[in-house]
């Protein structure tokens, strides 16, 4: 999209107070006609509800994006984004977030703040782990994670969908609570022993103190 067309679209949204802005490109758009950053004029459109910036060369999500507090849908697929800033998770009205085909490696724990999120697209990135806070998003019904080097949860679980992911993190939490409970039992049961003995018992339940 040529600069004059970008300006025309932004000016139109501003003049008519439109709630949608499309600055996306076709897949065969020449590189010199794509955006490398989000135009600063976009951040003045505080009433915006839908923003499409797909098929550009944007490398960074500006923290100023939080000025668009009414944003409901955000599309940033096919860019060069490496990081999801925690400030993005302040957009509490966000329902759809598309970040496919980027270079994202990590999802912030604060993703759990997006309480209205119903659709999240993260396919074709470099994500190895998703935080457990993601499973707490009660409205999330569509989560796409294919073609990522996922380790936590394993890809075979992630591909089963959000319910399988929720069950995975629920089981992990229960296992953690069981481990903590066992440690407490050791502490209560061995009140007379020293810290070294306690540590050895935690690391090796078969350890016996000869003293």
N, C-alpha and C. Protein backbone atom coordinates (compact mmCIF):
# COMPACT_ATOMS: atom_id res chain seq x y z
N UNK A 1 0.84 -1.20 0.00
CA UNK A 1 0.00 0.00 0.00
C UNK A 1 0.88 1.25 0.00
N UNK A 2 0.63 2.11 -0.94
CA UNK A 2 1.44 3.31 -1.09
C UNK A 2 1.14 4.32 0.03
N UNK A 3 2.14 5.15 0.38
CA UNK A 3 1.97 6.11 1.48
C UNK A 3 0.73 6.99 1.35
N UNK A 4 0.43 7.43 0.15
CA UNK A 4 -0.73 8.31 -0.03
C UNK A 4 -2.05 7.58 0.25
N UNK A 5 -2.07 6.27 -0.03
CA UNK A 5 -3.27 5.48 0.27
C UNK A 5 -3.40 5.25 1.77
N UNK A 6 -2.27 5.03 2.44
CA UNK A 6 -2.29 4.88 3.90
C UNK A 6 -2.83 6.15 4.55
N UNK A 7 -2.32 7.28 4.10
CA UNK A 7 -2.77 8.56 4.64
C UNK A 7 -4.25 8.78 4.37
N UNK A 8 -4.70 8.43 3.18
CA UNK A 8 -6.11 8.61 2.83
C UNK A 8 -7.02 7.80 3.75
N UNK A 9 -6.63 6.56 4.02
CA UNK A 9 -7.45 5.70 4.86
C UNK A 9 -7.49 6.19 6.31
N UNK A 10 -6.34 6.62 6.82
CA UNK A 10 -6.30 7.14 8.19
C UNK A 10 -7.12 8.41 8.30
N UNK A 11 -6.99 9.30 7.32
CA UNK A 11 -7.75 10.56 7.33
C UNK A 11 -9.25 10.30 7.26
N UNK A 12 -9.65 9.29 6.49
CA UNK A 12 -11.07 8.96 6.37
C UNK A 12 -11.64 8.46 7.70
N UNK A 13 -10.88 7.59 8.36
CA UNK A 13 -11.32 7.08 9.66
C UNK A 13 -11.44 8.21 10.67
N UNK A 14 -10.48 9.13 10.61
CA UNK A 14 -10.48 10.27 11.53
C UNK A 14 -11.66 11.21 11.27
N UNK A 15 -11.91 11.53 10.00
CA UNK A 15 -12.97 12.47 9.64
C UNK A 15 -14.36 11.91 9.93
N UNK A 16 -14.55 10.62 9.67
CA UNK A 16 -15.87 10.01 9.82
C UNK A 16 -16.02 9.24 11.13
N UNK A 17 -14.97 9.23 11.91
CA UNK A 17 -14.92 8.47 13.17
C UNK A 17 -15.35 7.01 12.94
N UNK A 18 -14.79 6.43 11.90
CA UNK A 18 -15.04 5.03 11.62
C UNK A 18 -14.35 4.16 12.66
N UNK A 19 -14.89 2.98 12.89
CA UNK A 19 -14.34 2.11 13.94
C UNK A 19 -13.40 1.04 13.39
N UNK A 20 -13.23 1.00 12.07
CA UNK A 20 -12.37 -0.01 11.45
C UNK A 20 -11.31 0.66 10.57
N UNK A 21 -10.09 0.15 10.66
CA UNK A 21 -9.00 0.64 9.82
C UNK A 21 -8.23 -0.54 9.26
N UNK A 22 -8.16 -0.59 7.93
CA UNK A 22 -7.46 -1.68 7.25
C UNK A 22 -6.23 -1.15 6.54
N UNK A 23 -5.05 -1.50 7.08
CA UNK A 23 -3.77 -1.13 6.46
C UNK A 23 -3.00 -2.39 6.08
N UNK A 24 -3.73 -3.45 5.81
CA UNK A 24 -3.09 -4.71 5.41
C UNK A 24 -2.72 -4.67 3.93
N UNK A 25 -1.91 -5.64 3.52
CA UNK A 25 -1.47 -5.73 2.13
C UNK A 25 -1.74 -7.11 1.56
N UNK A 26 -1.71 -7.19 0.25
CA UNK A 26 -1.77 -8.49 -0.41
C UNK A 26 -0.40 -9.15 -0.27
N UNK A 27 -0.37 -10.47 -0.43
CA UNK A 27 0.87 -11.21 -0.20
C UNK A 27 1.98 -10.83 -1.18
N UNK A 28 1.60 -10.33 -2.36
CA UNK A 28 2.60 -9.99 -3.37
C UNK A 28 2.92 -8.50 -3.45
N UNK A 29 2.56 -7.76 -2.39
CA UNK A 29 2.87 -6.34 -2.35
C UNK A 29 4.38 -6.13 -2.28
N UNK A 30 4.94 -5.23 -3.09
CA UNK A 30 6.39 -4.96 -3.01
C UNK A 30 6.80 -4.48 -1.63
N UNK A 31 7.99 -4.88 -1.18
CA UNK A 31 8.46 -4.53 0.16
C UNK A 31 8.45 -3.03 0.41
N UNK A 32 8.77 -2.25 -0.60
CA UNK A 32 8.85 -0.80 -0.41
C UNK A 32 7.48 -0.16 -0.17
N UNK A 33 6.41 -0.94 -0.37
CA UNK A 33 5.06 -0.41 -0.15
C UNK A 33 4.43 -0.97 1.13
N UNK A 34 5.23 -1.64 1.95
CA UNK A 34 4.72 -2.18 3.21
C UNK A 34 5.22 -1.35 4.38
N UNK A 35 4.50 -1.44 5.48
CA UNK A 35 4.86 -0.69 6.69
C UNK A 35 5.94 -1.41 7.47
N UNK A 36 6.86 -0.65 8.04
CA UNK A 36 7.87 -1.21 8.93
C UNK A 36 7.57 -0.88 10.39
N UNK A 37 6.60 -0.02 10.60
CA UNK A 37 6.13 0.31 11.94
C UNK A 37 4.70 0.80 11.85
N UNK A 38 4.01 0.82 12.97
CA UNK A 38 2.63 1.31 13.00
C UNK A 38 2.67 2.83 12.92
N UNK A 39 1.99 3.43 11.95
CA UNK A 39 2.01 4.90 11.84
C UNK A 39 1.52 5.57 13.12
N UNK A 40 2.21 6.60 13.55
CA UNK A 40 1.87 7.28 14.81
C UNK A 40 0.46 7.86 14.78
N UNK A 41 -0.04 8.21 13.59
CA UNK A 41 -1.39 8.78 13.48
C UNK A 41 -2.47 7.78 13.90
N UNK A 42 -2.15 6.50 13.80
CA UNK A 42 -3.12 5.47 14.19
C UNK A 42 -3.46 5.57 15.67
N UNK A 43 -2.47 5.92 16.49
CA UNK A 43 -2.67 5.96 17.94
C UNK A 43 -3.59 7.09 18.39
N UNK A 44 -3.91 8.01 17.48
CA UNK A 44 -4.84 9.09 17.78
C UNK A 44 -6.29 8.65 17.61
N UNK A 45 -6.50 7.51 17.00
CA UNK A 45 -7.86 7.02 16.71
C UNK A 45 -8.37 6.20 17.88
N UNK A 46 -8.59 6.84 19.00
CA UNK A 46 -8.88 6.15 20.26
C UNK A 46 -10.20 5.40 20.25
N UNK A 47 -11.08 5.67 19.30
CA UNK A 47 -12.38 5.00 19.21
C UNK A 47 -12.31 3.73 18.34
N UNK A 48 -11.14 3.43 17.80
CA UNK A 48 -10.99 2.32 16.87
C UNK A 48 -11.32 0.98 17.56
N UNK A 49 -12.05 0.12 16.83
CA UNK A 49 -12.41 -1.19 17.36
C UNK A 49 -11.75 -2.34 16.60
N UNK A 50 -11.42 -2.10 15.34
CA UNK A 50 -10.78 -3.14 14.53
C UNK A 50 -9.62 -2.54 13.77
N UNK A 51 -8.44 -3.18 13.88
CA UNK A 51 -7.23 -2.71 13.22
C UNK A 51 -6.55 -3.88 12.53
N UNK A 52 -6.38 -3.76 11.22
CA UNK A 52 -5.74 -4.82 10.44
C UNK A 52 -4.43 -4.32 9.85
N UNK A 53 -3.31 -4.91 10.30
CA UNK A 53 -1.97 -4.55 9.84
C UNK A 53 -1.24 -5.77 9.27
N UNK A 54 -1.99 -6.71 8.78
CA UNK A 54 -1.42 -7.95 8.26
C UNK A 54 -0.59 -7.70 7.00
N UNK A 55 0.35 -8.61 6.76
CA UNK A 55 1.18 -8.57 5.55
C UNK A 55 1.96 -7.26 5.41
N UNK A 56 2.68 -6.92 6.45
CA UNK A 56 3.59 -5.79 6.42
C UNK A 56 4.96 -6.28 6.87
N UNK A 57 5.82 -5.37 7.25
CA UNK A 57 7.15 -5.73 7.78
C UNK A 57 7.37 -5.08 9.14
N UNK A 58 6.31 -5.06 9.94
CA UNK A 58 6.37 -4.47 11.27
C UNK A 58 7.16 -5.40 12.20
N UNK A 59 8.17 -4.86 12.87
CA UNK A 59 9.03 -5.66 13.74
C UNK A 59 8.70 -5.52 15.22
N UNK A 60 7.94 -4.50 15.55
CA UNK A 60 7.70 -4.21 16.96
C UNK A 60 6.29 -3.67 17.16
N UNK A 61 5.65 -4.14 18.23
CA UNK A 61 4.34 -3.62 18.60
C UNK A 61 4.56 -2.46 19.57
N UNK A 62 4.25 -1.26 19.13
CA UNK A 62 4.49 -0.08 19.95
C UNK A 62 3.65 -0.10 21.22
N UNK A 63 4.26 0.32 22.32
CA UNK A 63 3.54 0.39 23.58
C UNK A 63 2.42 1.42 23.54
N UNK A 64 2.52 2.35 22.60
CA UNK A 64 1.49 3.39 22.46
C UNK A 64 0.17 2.81 21.99
N UNK A 65 0.19 1.56 21.54
CA UNK A 65 -1.03 0.90 21.08
C UNK A 65 -2.09 0.85 22.18
N UNK A 66 -1.66 0.95 23.41
CA UNK A 66 -2.61 0.90 24.53
C UNK A 66 -3.56 2.08 24.54
N UNK A 67 -3.26 3.12 23.75
CA UNK A 67 -4.19 4.26 23.66
C UNK A 67 -5.49 3.86 22.97
N UNK A 68 -5.45 2.74 22.24
CA UNK A 68 -6.65 2.25 21.55
C UNK A 68 -7.41 1.30 22.48
N UNK A 69 -7.94 1.83 23.54
CA UNK A 69 -8.53 1.01 24.59
C UNK A 69 -9.84 0.34 24.19
N UNK A 70 -10.47 0.80 23.09
CA UNK A 70 -11.72 0.18 22.62
C UNK A 70 -11.46 -0.93 21.61
N UNK A 71 -10.19 -1.20 21.33
CA UNK A 71 -9.85 -2.17 20.29
C UNK A 71 -10.42 -3.55 20.62
N UNK A 72 -11.14 -4.08 19.64
CA UNK A 72 -11.82 -5.37 19.79
C UNK A 72 -11.14 -6.47 18.98
N UNK A 73 -10.62 -6.09 17.80
CA UNK A 73 -9.94 -7.04 16.93
C UNK A 73 -8.61 -6.43 16.47
N UNK A 74 -7.54 -7.24 16.55
CA UNK A 74 -6.22 -6.80 16.13
C UNK A 74 -5.56 -7.88 15.29
N UNK A 75 -5.19 -7.52 14.07
CA UNK A 75 -4.60 -8.48 13.13
C UNK A 75 -3.19 -8.02 12.77
N UNK A 76 -2.21 -8.86 13.12
CA UNK A 76 -0.80 -8.55 12.86
C UNK A 76 -0.07 -9.75 12.26
N UNK A 77 -0.78 -10.59 11.56
CA UNK A 77 -0.15 -11.77 10.97
C UNK A 77 0.77 -11.37 9.81
N UNK A 78 1.72 -12.25 9.52
CA UNK A 78 2.67 -12.03 8.42
C UNK A 78 3.44 -10.72 8.57
N UNK A 79 4.10 -10.59 9.70
CA UNK A 79 5.00 -9.46 9.94
C UNK A 79 6.33 -10.01 10.44
N UNK A 80 7.11 -9.21 11.12
CA UNK A 80 8.40 -9.66 11.63
C UNK A 80 8.51 -9.47 13.14
N UNK A 81 7.38 -9.60 13.82
CA UNK A 81 7.31 -9.34 15.26
C UNK A 81 8.01 -10.46 16.04
N UNK A 82 8.88 -10.08 16.96
CA UNK A 82 9.64 -11.05 17.75
C UNK A 82 9.13 -11.17 19.19
N UNK A 83 8.38 -10.17 19.63
CA UNK A 83 8.01 -10.12 21.05
C UNK A 83 6.61 -9.55 21.22
N UNK A 84 5.87 -10.12 22.16
CA UNK A 84 4.58 -9.57 22.55
C UNK A 84 4.81 -8.73 23.80
N UNK A 85 4.72 -7.41 23.71
CA UNK A 85 4.96 -6.59 24.90
C UNK A 85 3.84 -6.76 25.93
N UNK A 86 4.20 -6.69 27.20
CA UNK A 86 3.20 -6.83 28.25
C UNK A 86 2.14 -5.75 28.16
N UNK A 87 2.51 -4.59 27.61
CA UNK A 87 1.53 -3.50 27.49
C UNK A 87 0.36 -3.89 26.59
N UNK A 88 0.60 -4.78 25.64
CA UNK A 88 -0.49 -5.21 24.76
C UNK A 88 -1.61 -5.88 25.56
N UNK A 89 -1.24 -6.53 26.65
CA UNK A 89 -2.23 -7.24 27.45
C UNK A 89 -3.07 -6.31 28.32
N UNK A 90 -2.87 -5.00 28.15
CA UNK A 90 -3.73 -4.03 28.83
C UNK A 90 -4.97 -3.70 28.00
N UNK A 91 -5.01 -4.19 26.77
CA UNK A 91 -6.17 -3.94 25.91
C UNK A 91 -7.28 -4.90 26.33
N UNK A 92 -7.96 -4.57 27.40
CA UNK A 92 -8.88 -5.49 28.07
C UNK A 92 -10.12 -5.82 27.24
N UNK A 93 -10.44 -5.03 26.22
CA UNK A 93 -11.61 -5.31 25.39
C UNK A 93 -11.29 -6.23 24.22
N UNK A 94 -10.03 -6.57 24.05
CA UNK A 94 -9.60 -7.36 22.91
C UNK A 94 -10.27 -8.74 22.92
N UNK A 95 -10.89 -9.07 21.78
CA UNK A 95 -11.56 -10.36 21.65
C UNK A 95 -10.84 -11.27 20.66
N UNK A 96 -10.27 -10.69 19.60
CA UNK A 96 -9.56 -11.47 18.60
C UNK A 96 -8.16 -10.89 18.39
N UNK A 97 -7.17 -11.78 18.47
CA UNK A 97 -5.78 -11.37 18.29
C UNK A 97 -5.09 -12.36 17.35
N UNK A 98 -4.61 -11.83 16.23
CA UNK A 98 -3.99 -12.68 15.21
C UNK A 98 -2.52 -12.31 15.07
N UNK A 99 -1.63 -13.22 15.47
CA UNK A 99 -0.19 -13.01 15.40
C UNK A 99 0.50 -14.16 14.66
N UNK A 100 -0.19 -14.78 13.74
CA UNK A 100 0.39 -15.88 12.96
C UNK A 100 1.56 -15.39 12.10
N UNK A 101 2.45 -16.31 11.78
CA UNK A 101 3.56 -16.06 10.86
C UNK A 101 4.38 -14.83 11.26
N UNK A 102 4.91 -14.89 12.47
CA UNK A 102 5.87 -13.90 12.95
C UNK A 102 7.08 -14.66 13.48
N UNK A 103 7.86 -14.05 14.35
CA UNK A 103 9.01 -14.73 14.93
C UNK A 103 8.94 -14.73 16.44
N UNK A 104 7.72 -14.79 16.98
CA UNK A 104 7.50 -14.69 18.42
C UNK A 104 8.03 -15.94 19.13
N UNK A 105 8.77 -15.73 20.20
CA UNK A 105 9.37 -16.83 20.95
C UNK A 105 8.73 -17.05 22.32
N UNK A 106 8.08 -16.02 22.82
CA UNK A 106 7.58 -16.10 24.20
C UNK A 106 6.24 -15.37 24.34
N UNK A 107 5.38 -15.93 25.18
CA UNK A 107 4.10 -15.29 25.49
C UNK A 107 4.18 -14.80 26.93
N UNK A 108 3.88 -13.52 27.18
CA UNK A 108 3.98 -13.02 28.55
C UNK A 108 2.92 -13.62 29.48
N UNK A 109 3.28 -13.78 30.74
CA UNK A 109 2.33 -14.29 31.73
C UNK A 109 1.07 -13.43 31.79
N UNK A 110 1.24 -12.13 31.51
CA UNK A 110 0.12 -11.19 31.61
C UNK A 110 -0.92 -11.39 30.52
N UNK A 111 -0.72 -12.38 29.63
CA UNK A 111 -1.74 -12.68 28.63
C UNK A 111 -3.06 -13.03 29.33
N UNK A 112 -2.95 -13.48 30.56
CA UNK A 112 -4.14 -13.81 31.35
C UNK A 112 -5.00 -12.62 31.70
N UNK A 113 -4.49 -11.40 31.45
CA UNK A 113 -5.26 -10.19 31.72
C UNK A 113 -6.30 -9.92 30.63
N UNK A 114 -6.16 -10.57 29.49
CA UNK A 114 -7.09 -10.34 28.37
C UNK A 114 -8.36 -11.16 28.59
N UNK A 115 -9.15 -10.75 29.55
CA UNK A 115 -10.29 -11.55 30.02
C UNK A 115 -11.39 -11.71 28.98
N UNK A 116 -11.41 -10.85 27.95
CA UNK A 116 -12.45 -10.95 26.92
C UNK A 116 -11.97 -11.67 25.65
N UNK A 117 -10.74 -12.18 25.69
CA UNK A 117 -10.18 -12.82 24.50
C UNK A 117 -10.92 -14.12 24.20
N UNK A 118 -11.40 -14.25 22.96
CA UNK A 118 -12.10 -15.46 22.55
C UNK A 118 -11.37 -16.21 21.45
N UNK A 119 -10.54 -15.51 20.66
CA UNK A 119 -9.80 -16.15 19.58
C UNK A 119 -8.35 -15.65 19.58
N UNK A 120 -7.42 -16.61 19.60
CA UNK A 120 -6.00 -16.26 19.61
C UNK A 120 -5.27 -17.13 18.59
N UNK A 121 -4.62 -16.46 17.65
CA UNK A 121 -3.94 -17.15 16.55
C UNK A 121 -2.43 -16.94 16.68
N UNK A 122 -1.71 -18.03 16.95
CA UNK A 122 -0.26 -17.96 17.18
C UNK A 122 0.50 -18.98 16.35
N UNK A 123 -0.12 -19.53 15.33
CA UNK A 123 0.54 -20.53 14.49
C UNK A 123 1.75 -19.94 13.78
N UNK A 124 2.70 -20.83 13.46
CA UNK A 124 3.88 -20.47 12.69
C UNK A 124 4.71 -19.36 13.33
N UNK A 125 5.11 -19.62 14.57
CA UNK A 125 6.03 -18.76 15.29
C UNK A 125 7.16 -19.63 15.85
N UNK A 126 7.85 -19.17 16.87
CA UNK A 126 8.96 -19.92 17.48
C UNK A 126 8.70 -20.17 18.96
N UNK A 127 7.45 -20.38 19.31
CA UNK A 127 7.04 -20.49 20.71
C UNK A 127 7.32 -21.90 21.25
N UNK A 128 8.02 -21.97 22.38
CA UNK A 128 8.33 -23.25 23.01
C UNK A 128 7.43 -23.53 24.21
N UNK A 129 6.92 -22.48 24.79
CA UNK A 129 6.14 -22.66 26.03
C UNK A 129 5.02 -21.63 26.09
N UNK A 130 3.85 -22.05 26.52
CA UNK A 130 2.78 -21.10 26.77
C UNK A 130 2.51 -21.07 28.27
N UNK A 131 2.25 -19.89 28.82
CA UNK A 131 2.05 -19.79 30.26
C UNK A 131 0.72 -20.37 30.71
N UNK A 132 0.69 -20.87 31.92
CA UNK A 132 -0.54 -21.44 32.46
C UNK A 132 -1.66 -20.43 32.57
N UNK A 133 -1.31 -19.13 32.64
CA UNK A 133 -2.33 -18.09 32.75
C UNK A 133 -3.24 -18.08 31.53
N UNK A 134 -2.74 -18.57 30.40
CA UNK A 134 -3.55 -18.60 29.19
C UNK A 134 -4.76 -19.51 29.36
N UNK A 135 -4.59 -20.58 30.12
CA UNK A 135 -5.68 -21.54 30.31
C UNK A 135 -6.78 -20.99 31.20
N UNK A 136 -6.52 -19.87 31.87
CA UNK A 136 -7.53 -19.28 32.77
C UNK A 136 -8.49 -18.34 32.04
N UNK A 137 -8.25 -18.11 30.75
CA UNK A 137 -9.12 -17.21 29.98
C UNK A 137 -10.42 -17.94 29.66
N UNK A 138 -11.45 -17.66 30.41
CA UNK A 138 -12.69 -18.44 30.32
C UNK A 138 -13.43 -18.26 29.00
N UNK A 139 -13.24 -17.14 28.32
CA UNK A 139 -13.94 -16.89 27.06
C UNK A 139 -13.18 -17.41 25.84
N UNK A 140 -11.95 -17.85 26.06
CA UNK A 140 -11.13 -18.32 24.94
C UNK A 140 -11.67 -19.64 24.41
N UNK A 141 -12.10 -19.62 23.15
CA UNK A 141 -12.67 -20.82 22.54
C UNK A 141 -11.86 -21.31 21.35
N UNK A 142 -11.03 -20.44 20.78
CA UNK A 142 -10.20 -20.82 19.64
C UNK A 142 -8.76 -20.41 19.90
N UNK A 143 -7.88 -21.41 19.90
CA UNK A 143 -6.45 -21.17 20.13
C UNK A 143 -5.68 -22.00 19.12
N UNK A 144 -4.90 -21.33 18.29
CA UNK A 144 -4.16 -22.01 17.22
C UNK A 144 -2.66 -21.88 17.47
N UNK A 145 -1.99 -23.04 17.61
CA UNK A 145 -0.57 -23.06 17.97
C UNK A 145 0.25 -23.96 17.05
N UNK A 146 -0.29 -24.36 15.92
CA UNK A 146 0.42 -25.28 15.05
C UNK A 146 1.69 -24.67 14.50
N UNK A 147 2.63 -25.54 14.14
CA UNK A 147 3.92 -25.12 13.57
C UNK A 147 4.71 -24.21 14.51
N UNK A 148 4.74 -24.61 15.78
CA UNK A 148 5.62 -24.01 16.78
C UNK A 148 6.43 -25.14 17.41
N UNK A 149 7.66 -24.87 17.87
CA UNK A 149 8.46 -25.92 18.54
C UNK A 149 8.03 -26.10 20.00
N UNK A 150 6.75 -26.33 20.22
CA UNK A 150 6.19 -26.37 21.57
C UNK A 150 6.75 -27.52 22.40
N UNK A 151 7.07 -27.19 23.66
CA UNK A 151 7.50 -28.19 24.63
C UNK A 151 6.52 -28.25 25.80
N UNK A 152 5.96 -27.09 26.15
CA UNK A 152 5.00 -26.99 27.26
C UNK A 152 3.81 -26.14 26.84
N UNK A 153 2.63 -26.75 26.68
CA UNK A 153 2.39 -28.20 26.71
C UNK A 153 2.92 -28.85 25.44
N UNK A 154 3.06 -30.17 25.42
CA UNK A 154 3.51 -30.84 24.20
C UNK A 154 2.58 -30.53 23.03
N UNK A 155 3.14 -30.49 21.85
CA UNK A 155 2.37 -30.09 20.67
C UNK A 155 1.15 -30.99 20.46
N UNK A 156 1.29 -32.28 20.76
CA UNK A 156 0.16 -33.19 20.54
C UNK A 156 -1.03 -32.84 21.43
N UNK A 157 -0.76 -32.24 22.59
CA UNK A 157 -1.85 -31.78 23.46
C UNK A 157 -2.40 -30.46 22.95
N UNK A 158 -1.50 -29.54 22.58
CA UNK A 158 -1.91 -28.22 22.10
C UNK A 158 -2.80 -28.32 20.88
N UNK A 159 -2.52 -29.29 20.01
CA UNK A 159 -3.29 -29.44 18.78
C UNK A 159 -4.69 -29.97 19.04
N UNK A 160 -4.95 -30.45 20.25
CA UNK A 160 -6.29 -30.93 20.61
C UNK A 160 -7.22 -29.78 21.00
N UNK A 161 -6.65 -28.60 21.19
CA UNK A 161 -7.49 -27.45 21.48
C UNK A 161 -7.39 -26.96 22.91
N UNK A 162 -8.12 -25.89 23.17
CA UNK A 162 -8.01 -25.18 24.45
C UNK A 162 -8.44 -26.04 25.64
N UNK A 163 -9.44 -26.90 25.48
CA UNK A 163 -9.89 -27.72 26.61
C UNK A 163 -8.80 -28.70 27.04
N UNK A 164 -8.09 -29.28 26.08
CA UNK A 164 -7.00 -30.20 26.40
C UNK A 164 -5.87 -29.45 27.10
N UNK A 165 -5.63 -28.22 26.69
CA UNK A 165 -4.59 -27.40 27.31
C UNK A 165 -4.98 -27.05 28.74
N UNK A 166 -6.24 -26.70 28.93
CA UNK A 166 -6.72 -26.40 30.30
C UNK A 166 -6.55 -27.61 31.21
N UNK A 167 -6.88 -28.79 30.70
CA UNK A 167 -6.75 -30.02 31.48
C UNK A 167 -5.28 -30.29 31.80
N UNK A 168 -4.40 -30.03 30.86
CA UNK A 168 -2.97 -30.24 31.06
C UNK A 168 -2.45 -29.38 32.22
N UNK A 169 -2.79 -28.09 32.21
CA UNK A 169 -2.31 -27.20 33.26
C UNK A 169 -2.99 -27.50 34.60
N UNK A 170 -4.24 -27.95 34.54
CA UNK A 170 -4.94 -28.32 35.77
C UNK A 170 -4.24 -29.50 36.44
N UNK A 171 -3.85 -30.49 35.64
CA UNK A 171 -3.15 -31.65 36.19
C UNK A 171 -1.78 -31.28 36.73
N UNK A 172 -1.10 -30.38 36.04
CA UNK A 172 0.21 -29.93 36.52
C UNK A 172 0.07 -29.22 37.86
N UNK A 173 -0.97 -28.43 37.99
CA UNK A 173 -1.19 -27.72 39.25
C UNK A 173 -1.46 -28.70 40.39
N UNK A 174 -2.26 -29.72 40.11
CA UNK A 174 -2.56 -30.72 41.13
C UNK A 174 -1.31 -31.48 41.54
N UNK A 175 -0.47 -31.81 40.57
CA UNK A 175 0.79 -32.50 40.88
C UNK A 175 1.69 -31.64 41.75
N UNK A 176 1.70 -30.33 41.45
CA UNK A 176 2.50 -29.40 42.24
C UNK A 176 2.01 -29.31 43.67
N UNK A 177 0.69 -29.32 43.84
CA UNK A 177 0.12 -29.25 45.18
C UNK A 177 0.42 -30.51 45.96
N UNK A 178 0.41 -31.66 45.29
CA UNK A 178 0.74 -32.93 45.95
C UNK A 178 2.18 -32.92 46.44
N UNK A 179 3.08 -32.41 45.60
CA UNK A 179 4.51 -32.33 45.96
C UNK A 179 4.70 -31.43 47.17
N UNK A 180 3.99 -30.30 47.16
CA UNK A 180 4.09 -29.37 48.28
C UNK A 180 3.56 -30.00 49.56
N UNK A 181 2.46 -30.74 49.44
CA UNK A 181 1.88 -31.40 50.61
C UNK A 181 2.84 -32.43 51.19
N UNK A 182 3.51 -33.19 50.32
CA UNK A 182 4.48 -34.17 50.78
C UNK A 182 5.64 -33.50 51.49
N UNK A 183 6.09 -32.37 50.98
CA UNK A 183 7.18 -31.64 51.62
C UNK A 183 6.78 -31.16 53.00
N UNK A 184 5.52 -30.71 53.13
CA UNK A 184 5.04 -30.25 54.44
C UNK A 184 4.99 -31.40 55.44
N UNK A 185 4.61 -32.58 54.96
CA UNK A 185 4.57 -33.73 55.85
C UNK A 185 5.96 -34.05 56.39
N UNK A 186 6.97 -33.93 55.54
CA UNK A 186 8.34 -34.19 55.97
C UNK A 186 8.74 -33.19 57.03
N UNK A 187 8.40 -31.92 56.80
CA UNK A 187 8.78 -30.87 57.74
C UNK A 187 8.12 -31.10 59.09
N UNK A 188 6.83 -31.43 59.08
CA UNK A 188 6.11 -31.66 60.34
C UNK A 188 6.64 -32.90 61.04
N UNK A 189 6.92 -33.93 60.26
CA UNK A 189 7.34 -35.21 60.84
C UNK A 189 8.75 -35.21 61.35
N UNK A 190 9.56 -34.26 60.89
CA UNK A 190 10.96 -34.26 61.26
C UNK A 190 11.34 -32.96 61.97
N UNK A 191 10.53 -32.58 62.91
CA UNK A 191 10.73 -31.30 63.59
C UNK A 191 12.04 -31.18 64.33
N UNK A 192 12.64 -32.32 64.74
CA UNK A 192 13.86 -32.28 65.53
C UNK A 192 15.12 -32.29 64.67
N UNK A 193 14.97 -32.54 63.39
CA UNK A 193 16.16 -32.66 62.54
C UNK A 193 16.58 -31.31 62.03
N UNK A 194 17.84 -31.22 61.58
CA UNK A 194 18.38 -29.98 61.07
C UNK A 194 18.04 -29.76 59.61
N UNK A 195 18.46 -28.60 59.11
CA UNK A 195 18.14 -28.25 57.73
C UNK A 195 18.79 -29.18 56.73
N UNK A 196 20.01 -29.63 57.01
CA UNK A 196 20.70 -30.50 56.07
C UNK A 196 19.97 -31.83 55.93
N UNK A 197 19.53 -32.38 57.05
CA UNK A 197 18.79 -33.64 57.02
C UNK A 197 17.49 -33.47 56.27
N UNK A 198 16.81 -32.34 56.51
CA UNK A 198 15.54 -32.06 55.84
C UNK A 198 15.74 -31.98 54.34
N UNK A 199 16.78 -31.29 53.92
CA UNK A 199 17.05 -31.15 52.49
C UNK A 199 17.32 -32.51 51.86
N UNK A 200 18.10 -33.35 52.56
CA UNK A 200 18.42 -34.67 52.03
C UNK A 200 17.16 -35.52 51.91
N UNK A 201 16.25 -35.36 52.84
CA UNK A 201 15.01 -36.13 52.79
C UNK A 201 14.13 -35.70 51.62
N UNK A 202 14.09 -34.38 51.37
CA UNK A 202 13.29 -33.87 50.26
C UNK A 202 13.86 -34.36 48.94
N UNK A 203 15.19 -34.34 48.81
CA UNK A 203 15.82 -34.79 47.59
C UNK A 203 15.81 -36.30 47.44
N UNK A 204 15.84 -37.00 48.59
CA UNK A 204 15.88 -38.47 48.54
C UNK A 204 15.01 -39.02 49.68
N UNK A 205 13.75 -39.37 49.38
CA UNK A 205 12.83 -39.85 50.42
C UNK A 205 13.33 -41.07 51.16
N UNK A 206 14.28 -41.85 50.58
CA UNK A 206 14.79 -43.06 51.23
C UNK A 206 15.90 -42.77 52.22
N UNK A 207 16.34 -41.51 52.28
CA UNK A 207 17.45 -41.14 53.18
C UNK A 207 17.06 -41.33 54.64
N UNK A 208 17.99 -41.89 55.43
CA UNK A 208 17.78 -42.07 56.86
C UNK A 208 18.89 -41.41 57.64
N UNK A 209 18.50 -40.73 58.70
CA UNK A 209 19.49 -40.07 59.55
C UNK A 209 19.90 -41.04 60.65
N UNK A 210 21.19 -41.41 60.71
CA UNK A 210 21.67 -42.39 61.70
C UNK A 210 21.84 -41.80 63.07
N UNK A 211 21.78 -40.43 63.19
CA UNK A 211 22.02 -39.82 64.50
C UNK A 211 20.81 -40.01 65.41
